[in-house]
Amino acid sequence: MIKSAASVFVYLGIIFAGAQMAIAEVKGWPVPYKIDDKQFVGYLAVDVEQGVANRPGVLLVHEWWGHNEYIEKRARDYAALGYVAFAADLYGTGVLTDDPKEASTLSKPFYEDRKLFRRRVNAALDQLKKQPQVDATRTAALGYCFGGTAVLELARSGADVDGVISFHGGLSTPNTTDLKNFKGRILVLNGAEDPMVTPAERAVFMQEARGAGVDWQFVEFSGAMHAFSNPGADAFNIPGVKYSPLADKRSFEMSKDFLAELFQD
């Protein structure tokens, strides 16, 4: 779902650093790019009221459905905070679905080939850093479900990014020693009742993070299941998938604090 260029979205936002309330005028537009001769279209969102240069950049990675309206809305949310937000496209131009079976088919190659995962998400990070509004020395990445796994693989690849945030993402990886390559910080936001991220998987990830010596936080939200941050999650009628307004609100606030701390330092 690609929006026309120069679409304007108006939100009540918080200026960067969260010290003062202001009216944010967020503009968003599509950004085409190529990876290995394959065409992709991301989405850049910027608050034009806060200037247009040298701001921290935030990469966002979509759920297994593909690059859709939801990830673009999230990009505008973070742009309203004063960041330059780039919603990546990991599947390719126009490749998205609302069918769980097809989504599983689309995402499966990435879980089977972590080099593919890392190549696509690193290429999206490069696109963010190329944007003229971005201070390429101050970047972060966050993702939802499939996208949460993507940003953890970005970290494991040793990417030059200050921090990553996983919202209800898968935590497992074939090689649990790769996280030692990462020099940034990690925030994992997980539903305590998420059946798709098992207690064993959580324990292995924490051991991985401890062994890597990275700065990490792991937060679990009581009663929350998989996809707790997506208001449209319930419509799919997938067992274990449910929207939680409270976990959504709390996780967003925690992500704001994490980013503010990250770029303040």
C-alpha atoms as a PDB file:
ATOM      1  CA  MET A   1       0.000   0.000   0.000  1.00  0.00           C
ATOM      2  CA  ILE A   2       2.130   2.918  -1.252  1.00  0.00           C
ATOM      3  CA  LYS A   3       0.862   6.399  -0.535  1.00  0.00           C
ATOM      4  CA  SER A   4       1.132   9.276  -3.042  1.00  0.00           C
ATOM      5  CA  ALA A   5       4.086  11.617  -2.573  1.00  0.00           C
ATOM      6  CA  ALA A   6       3.785  14.616  -0.297  1.00  0.00           C
ATOM      7  CA  SER A   7       0.826  13.287   1.725  1.00  0.00           C
ATOM      8  CA  VAL A   8       0.499  15.385   4.843  1.00  0.00           C
ATOM      9  CA  PHE A   9      -0.457  14.032   8.250  1.00  0.00           C
ATOM     10  CA  VAL A  10      -1.036  16.240  11.296  1.00  0.00           C
ATOM     11  CA  TYR A  11      -0.495  14.895  14.809  1.00  0.00           C
ATOM     12  CA  LEU A  12      -0.126  16.247  18.311  1.00  0.00           C
ATOM     13  CA  GLY A  13       3.460  15.294  19.123  1.00  0.00           C
ATOM     14  CA  ILE A  14       6.267  15.813  21.542  1.00  0.00           C
ATOM     15  CA  ILE A  15       9.364  17.675  20.464  1.00  0.00           C
ATOM     16  CA  PHE A  16      12.623  15.735  20.463  1.00  0.00           C
ATOM     17  CA  ALA A  17      13.783  15.016  24.031  1.00  0.00           C
ATOM     18  CA  GLY A  18      10.203  15.124  25.218  1.00  0.00           C
ATOM     19  CA  ALA A  19      10.553  18.340  27.189  1.00  0.00           C
ATOM     20  CA  GLN A  20       7.798  20.435  25.628  1.00  0.00           C
ATOM     21  CA  MET A  21       4.516  19.813  23.825  1.00  0.00           C
ATOM     22  CA  ALA A  22       4.182  21.088  20.258  1.00  0.00           C
ATOM     23  CA  ILE A  23       2.110  20.622  17.138  1.00  0.00           C
ATOM     24  CA  ALA A  24       3.891  18.305  14.728  1.00  0.00           C
ATOM     25  CA  GLU A  25       3.388  18.621  10.988  1.00  0.00           C
ATOM     26  CA  VAL A  26       4.450  15.262   9.659  1.00  0.00           C
ATOM     27  CA  LYS A  27       5.006  14.710   5.963  1.00  0.00           C
ATOM     28  CA  GLY A  28       5.536  11.275   4.485  1.00  0.00           C
ATOM     29  CA  TRP A  29       6.476  10.058   1.027  1.00  0.00           C
ATOM     30  CA  PRO A  30       7.648   6.860  -0.724  1.00  0.00           C
ATOM     31  CA  VAL A  31      11.361   6.211  -1.225  1.00  0.00           C
ATOM     32  CA  PRO A  32      12.232   3.673  -3.975  1.00  0.00           C
ATOM     33  CA  TYR A  33      15.496   1.747  -3.700  1.00  0.00           C
ATOM     34  CA  LYS A  34      17.169  -1.395  -5.020  1.00  0.00           C
ATOM     35  CA  ILE A  35      18.797  -4.421  -3.406  1.00  0.00           C
ATOM     36  CA  ASP A  36      20.486  -6.981  -5.671  1.00  0.00           C
ATOM     37  CA  ASP A  37      18.599  -5.587  -8.718  1.00  0.00           C
ATOM     38  CA  LYS A  38      15.250  -6.033  -6.948  1.00  0.00           C
ATOM     39  CA  GLN A  39      13.014  -3.006  -6.489  1.00  0.00           C
ATOM     40  CA  PHE A  40      11.770  -1.911  -3.045  1.00  0.00           C
ATOM     41  CA  VAL A  41       9.761   1.078  -1.826  1.00  0.00           C
ATOM     42  CA  GLY A  42      10.165   2.373   1.708  1.00  0.00           C
ATOM     43  CA  TYR A  43       8.412   5.312   3.343  1.00  0.00           C
ATOM     44  CA  LEU A  44      10.077   8.356   4.894  1.00  0.00           C
ATOM     45  CA  ALA A  45       8.278  10.451   7.518  1.00  0.00           C
ATOM     46  CA  VAL A  46       9.554  13.801   8.781  1.00  0.00           C
ATOM     47  CA  ASP A  47       8.191  16.515  11.071  1.00  0.00           C
ATOM     48  CA  VAL A  48       8.850  19.628   9.007  1.00  0.00           C
ATOM     49  CA  GLU A  49       8.122  21.940  11.949  1.00  0.00           C
ATOM     50  CA  GLN A  50      11.325  20.853  13.667  1.00  0.00           C
ATOM     51  CA  GLY A  51      13.795  21.580  10.913  1.00  0.00           C
ATOM     52  CA  VAL A  52      14.995  19.332   8.160  1.00  0.00           C
ATOM     53  CA  ALA A  53      18.590  18.364   8.908  1.00  0.00           C
ATOM     54  CA  ASN A  54      20.908  16.539  11.310  1.00  0.00           C
ATOM     55  CA  ARG A  55      18.275  14.649  13.254  1.00  0.00           C
ATOM     56  CA  PRO A  56      18.511  11.103  14.579  1.00  0.00           C
ATOM     57  CA  GLY A  57      17.114   8.507  12.216  1.00  0.00           C
ATOM     58  CA  VAL A  58      14.867   5.601  13.155  1.00  0.00           C
ATOM     59  CA  LEU A  59      14.433   2.568  10.901  1.00  0.00           C
ATOM     60  CA  LEU A  60      11.140   0.672  11.238  1.00  0.00           C
ATOM     61  CA  VAL A  61      10.584  -2.873   9.967  1.00  0.00           C
ATOM     62  CA  HIS A  62       7.153  -4.290   9.205  1.00  0.00           C
ATOM     63  CA  GLU A  63       5.352  -7.415  10.404  1.00  0.00           C
ATOM     64  CA  TRP A  64       5.188 -10.555   8.281  1.00  0.00           C
ATOM     65  CA  TRP A  65       2.315  -9.017   6.266  1.00  0.00           C
ATOM     66  CA  GLY A  66       4.778  -6.783   4.425  1.00  0.00           C
ATOM     67  CA  HIS A  67       5.112  -3.013   4.097  1.00  0.00           C
ATOM     68  CA  ASN A  68       1.570  -1.774   4.695  1.00  0.00           C
ATOM     69  CA  GLU A  69      -0.358   1.184   6.115  1.00  0.00           C
ATOM     70  CA  TYR A  70       0.309   0.097   9.695  1.00  0.00           C
ATOM     71  CA  ILE A  71       4.107   0.448   9.460  1.00  0.00           C
ATOM     72  CA  GLU A  72       3.696   3.820   7.744  1.00  0.00           C
ATOM     73  CA  LYS A  73       1.442   4.994  10.577  1.00  0.00           C
ATOM     74  CA  ARG A  74       4.097   3.901  13.077  1.00  0.00           C
ATOM     75  CA  ALA A  75       6.723   5.817  11.103  1.00  0.00           C
ATOM     76  CA  ARG A  76       4.603   8.962  11.426  1.00  0.00           C
ATOM     77  CA  ASP A  77       4.277   8.350  15.173  1.00  0.00           C
ATOM     78  CA  TYR A  78       8.058   8.422  15.585  1.00  0.00           C
ATOM     79  CA  ALA A  79       8.475  11.321  13.169  1.00  0.00           C
ATOM     80  CA  ALA A  80       6.095  13.307  15.383  1.00  0.00           C
ATOM     81  CA  LEU A  81       8.645  12.864  18.184  1.00  0.00           C
ATOM     82  CA  GLY A  82      11.276  14.648  16.137  1.00  0.00           C
ATOM     83  CA  TYR A  83      13.050  11.713  14.506  1.00  0.00           C
ATOM     84  CA  VAL A  84      13.450  11.033  10.808  1.00  0.00           C
ATOM     85  CA  ALA A  85      11.594   7.739  10.423  1.00  0.00           C
ATOM     86  CA  PHE A  86      12.084   5.322   7.546  1.00  0.00           C
ATOM     87  CA  ALA A  87       9.698   2.372   7.191  1.00  0.00           C
ATOM     88  CA  ALA A  88      11.594  -0.352   5.359  1.00  0.00           C
ATOM     89  CA  ASP A  89      10.338  -2.775   2.740  1.00  0.00           C
ATOM     90  CA  LEU A  90      11.936  -6.202   3.104  1.00  0.00           C
ATOM     91  CA  TYR A  91       9.793  -8.112   0.583  1.00  0.00           C
ATOM     92  CA  GLY A  92       9.842  -5.956  -2.544  1.00  0.00           C
ATOM     93  CA  THR A  93       7.599  -3.403  -4.200  1.00  0.00           C
ATOM     94  CA  GLY A  94       3.915  -4.207  -3.785  1.00  0.00           C
ATOM     95  CA  VAL A  95       4.536  -7.543  -2.056  1.00  0.00           C
ATOM     96  CA  LEU A  96       2.186  -7.672   0.933  1.00  0.00           C
ATOM     97  CA  THR A  97      -0.782  -9.692   2.113  1.00  0.00           C
ATOM     98  CA  ASP A  98      -3.483 -10.012   4.752  1.00  0.00           C
ATOM     99  CA  ASP A  99      -3.614 -13.819   4.469  1.00  0.00           C
ATOM    100  CA  PRO A 100      -1.721 -15.594   7.289  1.00  0.00           C
ATOM    101  CA  LYS A 101      -0.780 -18.543   5.062  1.00  0.00           C
ATOM    102  CA  GLU A 102       0.702 -16.266   2.431  1.00  0.00           C
ATOM    103  CA  ALA A 103       2.439 -14.199   5.105  1.00  0.00           C
ATOM    104  CA  SER A 104       4.033 -17.375   6.414  1.00  0.00           C
ATOM    105  CA  THR A 105       5.235 -18.208   2.911  1.00  0.00           C
ATOM    106  CA  LEU A 106       6.658 -14.719   2.406  1.00  0.00           C
ATOM    107  CA  SER A 107       8.525 -14.665   5.708  1.00  0.00           C
ATOM    108  CA  LYS A 108       9.804 -18.256   5.693  1.00  0.00           C
ATOM    109  CA  PRO A 109      12.881 -17.660   3.448  1.00  0.00           C
ATOM    110  CA  PHE A 110      14.155 -15.045   5.899  1.00  0.00           C
ATOM    111  CA  TYR A 111      13.972 -17.325   8.909  1.00  0.00           C
ATOM    112  CA  GLU A 112      15.698 -20.058   6.909  1.00  0.00           C
ATOM    113  CA  ASP A 113      18.420 -17.749   5.546  1.00  0.00           C
ATOM    114  CA  ARG A 114      19.639 -15.214   8.092  1.00  0.00           C
ATOM    115  CA  LYS A 115      22.102 -13.797   5.557  1.00  0.00           C
ATOM    116  CA  LEU A 116      19.103 -12.738   3.473  1.00  0.00           C
ATOM    117  CA  PHE A 117      17.467 -11.210   6.553  1.00  0.00           C
ATOM    118  CA  ARG A 118      20.601  -9.271   7.404  1.00  0.00           C
ATOM    119  CA  ARG A 119      21.287  -8.139   3.848  1.00  0.00           C
ATOM    120  CA  ARG A 120      17.799  -6.711   3.383  1.00  0.00           C
ATOM    121  CA  VAL A 121      17.619  -4.937   6.740  1.00  0.00           C
ATOM    122  CA  ASN A 122      21.158  -3.548   6.427  1.00  0.00           C
ATOM    123  CA  ALA A 123      20.290  -2.190   2.985  1.00  0.00           C
ATOM    124  CA  ALA A 124      17.250  -0.454   4.495  1.00  0.00           C
ATOM    125  CA  LEU A 125      19.453   1.046   7.210  1.00  0.00           C
ATOM    126  CA  ASP A 126      21.760   2.361   4.492  1.00  0.00           C
ATOM    127  CA  GLN A 127      18.766   4.043   2.846  1.00  0.00           C
ATOM    128  CA  LEU A 128      17.869   5.750   6.116  1.00  0.00           C
ATOM    129  CA  LYS A 129      21.410   7.026   6.547  1.00  0.00           C
ATOM    130  CA  LYS A 130      21.431   8.425   2.987  1.00  0.00           C
ATOM    131  CA  GLN A 131      18.468  10.699   3.639  1.00  0.00           C
ATOM    132  CA  PRO A 132      19.598  14.345   3.793  1.00  0.00           C
ATOM    133  CA  GLN A 133      17.606  15.011   6.980  1.00  0.00           C
ATOM    134  CA  VAL A 134      19.450  12.310   8.947  1.00  0.00           C
ATOM    135  CA  ASP A 135      22.534  12.510  11.106  1.00  0.00           C
ATOM    136  CA  ALA A 136      23.977   9.166  10.000  1.00  0.00           C
ATOM    137  CA  THR A 137      26.018   8.904  13.199  1.00  0.00           C
ATOM    138  CA  ARG A 138      22.812   8.717  15.297  1.00  0.00           C
ATOM    139  CA  THR A 139      20.475   5.919  14.250  1.00  0.00           C
ATOM    140  CA  ALA A 140      18.257   3.260  15.774  1.00  0.00           C
ATOM    141  CA  ALA A 141      16.084   0.450  14.422  1.00  0.00           C
ATOM    142  CA  LEU A 142      12.831  -1.015  15.671  1.00  0.00           C
ATOM    143  CA  GLY A 143      10.497  -3.660  14.362  1.00  0.00           C
ATOM    144  CA  TYR A 144       7.278  -5.533  15.014  1.00  0.00           C
ATOM    145  CA  CYS A 145       6.955  -9.354  15.029  1.00  0.00           C
ATOM    146  CA  PHE A 146       8.884 -10.340  11.869  1.00  0.00           C
ATOM    147  CA  GLY A 147      10.403  -6.864  12.028  1.00  0.00           C
ATOM    148  CA  GLY A 148      11.461  -7.428  15.623  1.00  0.00           C
ATOM    149  CA  THR A 149      13.440 -10.453  14.511  1.00  0.00           C
ATOM    150  CA  ALA A 150      14.861  -8.366  11.655  1.00  0.00           C
ATOM    151  CA  VAL A 151      16.301  -5.673  13.913  1.00  0.00           C
ATOM    152  CA  LEU A 152      17.841  -8.288  16.215  1.00  0.00           C
ATOM    153  CA  GLU A 153      19.505  -9.813  13.149  1.00  0.00           C
ATOM    154  CA  LEU A 154      20.655  -6.306  12.248  1.00  0.00           C
ATOM    155  CA  ALA A 155      22.346  -6.128  15.639  1.00  0.00           C
ATOM    156  CA  ARG A 156      23.854  -9.594  15.264  1.00  0.00           C
ATOM    157  CA  SER A 157      25.306  -8.559  11.923  1.00  0.00           C
ATOM    158  CA  GLY A 158      27.382  -5.921  13.709  1.00  0.00           C
ATOM    159  CA  ALA A 159      25.610  -3.026  11.999  1.00  0.00           C
ATOM    160  CA  ASP A 160      26.630   0.506  12.927  1.00  0.00           C
ATOM    161  CA  VAL A 161      23.430   1.483  14.719  1.00  0.00           C
ATOM    162  CA  ASP A 162      23.133   2.879  18.232  1.00  0.00           C
ATOM    163  CA  GLY A 163      20.296   0.669  19.397  1.00  0.00           C
ATOM    164  CA  VAL A 164      17.509  -1.693  18.385  1.00  0.00           C
ATOM    165  CA  ILE A 165      14.002  -2.318  19.761  1.00  0.00           C
ATOM    166  CA  SER A 166      12.052  -5.519  19.172  1.00  0.00           C
ATOM    167  CA  PHE A 167       8.283  -5.399  19.676  1.00  0.00           C
ATOM    168  CA  HIS A 168       6.993  -8.979  20.131  1.00  0.00           C
ATOM    169  CA  GLY A 169       9.646 -10.305  17.761  1.00  0.00           C
ATOM    170  CA  GLY A 170      11.076 -13.800  17.484  1.00  0.00           C
ATOM    171  CA  LEU A 171      14.292 -14.094  19.495  1.00  0.00           C
ATOM    172  CA  SER A 172      15.973 -17.247  18.223  1.00  0.00           C
ATOM    173  CA  THR A 173      18.880 -17.313  15.789  1.00  0.00           C
ATOM    174  CA  PRO A 174      21.043 -20.135  14.380  1.00  0.00           C
ATOM    175  CA  ASN A 175      24.293 -18.728  15.795  1.00  0.00           C
ATOM    176  CA  THR A 176      23.955 -17.274  19.282  1.00  0.00           C
ATOM    177  CA  THR A 177      27.532 -15.950  19.326  1.00  0.00           C
ATOM    178  CA  ASP A 178      26.967 -13.300  16.639  1.00  0.00           C
ATOM    179  CA  LEU A 179      25.545 -10.740  19.047  1.00  0.00           C
ATOM    180  CA  LYS A 180      29.074 -10.065  20.274  1.00  0.00           C
ATOM    181  CA  ASN A 181      29.497  -8.112  17.013  1.00  0.00           C
ATOM    182  CA  PHE A 182      27.072  -5.441  18.232  1.00  0.00           C
ATOM    183  CA  LYS A 183      28.223  -2.307  20.061  1.00  0.00           C
ATOM    184  CA  GLY A 184      24.814  -0.707  20.626  1.00  0.00           C
ATOM    185  CA  ARG A 185      21.950  -1.215  23.075  1.00  0.00           C
ATOM    186  CA  ILE A 186      18.971  -3.561  22.887  1.00  0.00           C
ATOM    187  CA  LEU A 187      15.408  -3.287  24.164  1.00  0.00           C
ATOM    188  CA  VAL A 188      13.121  -6.319  23.839  1.00  0.00           C
ATOM    189  CA  LEU A 189       9.395  -5.723  24.483  1.00  0.00           C
ATOM    190  CA  ASN A 190       7.571  -9.018  24.819  1.00  0.00           C
ATOM    191  CA  GLY A 191       4.101 -10.258  25.701  1.00  0.00           C
ATOM    192  CA  ALA A 192       4.260 -12.386  28.846  1.00  0.00           C
ATOM    193  CA  GLU A 193       1.568 -14.681  27.408  1.00  0.00           C
ATOM    194  CA  ASP A 194       2.978 -14.809  23.869  1.00  0.00           C
ATOM    195  CA  PRO A 195       2.863 -18.509  22.871  1.00  0.00           C
ATOM    196  CA  MET A 196       5.026 -17.859  19.810  1.00  0.00           C
ATOM    197  CA  VAL A 197       8.027 -16.866  21.921  1.00  0.00           C
ATOM    198  CA  THR A 198       8.536 -19.774  24.283  1.00  0.00           C
ATOM    199  CA  PRO A 199      10.094 -19.545  27.755  1.00  0.00           C
ATOM    200  CA  ALA A 200      13.036 -21.559  26.427  1.00  0.00           C
ATOM    201  CA  GLU A 201      13.549 -19.096  23.563  1.00  0.00           C
ATOM    202  CA  ARG A 202      13.474 -16.192  26.010  1.00  0.00           C
ATOM    203  CA  ALA A 203      16.017 -17.867  28.280  1.00  0.00           C
ATOM    204  CA  VAL A 204      18.370 -18.616  25.372  1.00  0.00           C
ATOM    205  CA  PHE A 205      18.185 -15.018  24.179  1.00  0.00           C
ATOM    206  CA  MET A 206      19.025 -13.658  27.632  1.00  0.00           C
ATOM    207  CA  GLN A 207      21.990 -15.992  27.845  1.00  0.00           C
ATOM    208  CA  GLU A 208      23.036 -14.886  24.356  1.00  0.00           C
ATOM    209  CA  ALA A 209      22.863 -11.231  25.416  1.00  0.00           C
ATOM    210  CA  ARG A 210      24.776 -11.854  28.639  1.00  0.00           C
ATOM    211  CA  GLY A 211      27.468 -13.754  26.763  1.00  0.00           C
ATOM    212  CA  ALA A 212      27.797 -10.950  24.215  1.00  0.00           C
ATOM    213  CA  GLY A 213      28.289  -8.353  26.935  1.00  0.00           C
ATOM    214  CA  VAL A 214      25.832  -5.935  25.334  1.00  0.00           C
ATOM    215  CA  ASP A 215      23.644  -3.379  27.120  1.00  0.00           C
ATOM    216  CA  TRP A 216      20.211  -5.026  27.022  1.00  0.00           C
ATOM    217  CA  GLN A 217      16.765  -4.775  28.569  1.00  0.00           C
ATOM    218  CA  PHE A 218      13.982  -7.364  28.415  1.00  0.00           C
ATOM    219  CA  VAL A 219      10.448  -6.282  29.378  1.00  0.00           C
ATOM    220  CA  GLU A 220       7.397  -8.530  29.583  1.00  0.00           C
ATOM    221  CA  PHE A 221       3.837  -7.199  29.685  1.00  0.00           C
ATOM    222  CA  SER A 222       1.380  -9.183  31.790  1.00  0.00           C
ATOM    223  CA  GLY A 223      -1.550 -10.655  29.899  1.00  0.00           C
ATOM    224  CA  ALA A 224      -0.149  -9.568  26.530  1.00  0.00           C
ATOM    225  CA  MET A 225       0.036 -11.959  23.590  1.00  0.00           C
ATOM    226  CA  HIS A 226       1.730 -11.860  20.213  1.00  0.00           C
ATOM    227  CA  ALA A 227       1.249  -8.683  18.117  1.00  0.00           C
ATOM    228  CA  PHE A 228       0.055  -6.779  21.202  1.00  0.00           C
ATOM    229  CA  SER A 229       0.966  -3.410  19.633  1.00  0.00           C
ATOM    230  CA  ASN A 230      -1.194  -3.722  16.505  1.00  0.00           C
ATOM    231  CA  PRO A 231      -4.827  -2.535  16.904  1.00  0.00           C
ATOM    232  CA  GLY A 232      -5.775  -4.669  13.892  1.00  0.00           C
ATOM    233  CA  ALA A 233      -4.324  -7.912  15.263  1.00  0.00           C
ATOM    234  CA  ASP A 234      -7.611  -9.401  16.481  1.00  0.00           C
ATOM    235  CA  ALA A 235      -9.158  -9.302  13.006  1.00  0.00           C
ATOM    236  CA  PHE A 236      -6.966 -12.185  11.840  1.00  0.00           C
ATOM    237  CA  ASN A 237      -8.394 -14.650  14.395  1.00  0.00           C
ATOM    238  CA  ILE A 238      -5.005 -16.287  14.928  1.00  0.00           C
ATOM    239  CA  PRO A 239      -4.669 -18.172  18.245  1.00  0.00           C
ATOM    240  CA  GLY A 240      -2.224 -16.376  20.534  1.00  0.00           C
ATOM    241  CA  VAL A 241      -2.444 -13.119  18.575  1.00  0.00           C
ATOM    242  CA  LYS A 242      -4.274 -10.286  20.322  1.00  0.00           C
ATOM    243  CA  TYR A 243      -4.073  -6.520  20.623  1.00  0.00           C
ATOM    244  CA  SER A 244      -3.458  -5.095  24.107  1.00  0.00           C
ATOM    245  CA  PRO A 245      -4.119  -1.336  24.405  1.00  0.00           C
ATOM    246  CA  LEU A 246      -2.239  -1.149  27.703  1.00  0.00           C
ATOM    247  CA  ALA A 247       0.815  -3.058  26.457  1.00  0.00           C
ATOM    248  CA  ASP A 248       0.742  -0.984  23.271  1.00  0.00           C
ATOM    249  CA  LYS A 249       0.768   2.259  25.250  1.00  0.00           C
ATOM    250  CA  ARG A 250       3.401   1.113  27.723  1.00  0.00           C
ATOM    251  CA  SER A 251       5.711  -0.313  25.061  1.00  0.00           C
ATOM    252  CA  PHE A 252       5.520   2.883  23.002  1.00  0.00           C
ATOM    253  CA  GLU A 253       6.393   4.983  26.067  1.00  0.00           C
ATOM    254  CA  MET A 254       9.324   2.680  26.848  1.00  0.00           C
ATOM    255  CA  SER A 255      10.566   2.958  23.273  1.00  0.00           C
ATOM    256  CA  LYS A 256      10.426   6.753  23.550  1.00  0.00           C
ATOM    257  CA  ASP A 257      12.490   6.699  26.733  1.00  0.00           C
ATOM    258  CA  PHE A 258      14.977   4.283  25.200  1.00  0.00           C
ATOM    259  CA  LEU A 259      15.486   6.465  22.126  1.00  0.00           C
ATOM    260  CA  ALA A 260      15.760   9.668  24.163  1.00  0.00           C
ATOM    261  CA  GLU A 261      18.432   8.084  26.358  1.00  0.00           C
ATOM    262  CA  LEU A 262      20.199   6.620  23.352  1.00  0.00           C
ATOM    263  CA  PHE A 263      20.576   9.904  21.500  1.00  0.00           C
ATOM    264  CA  GLN A 264      21.086  12.081  24.551  1.00  0.00           C
ATOM    265  CA  ASP A 265      24.167  10.032  25.395  1.00  0.00           C
END
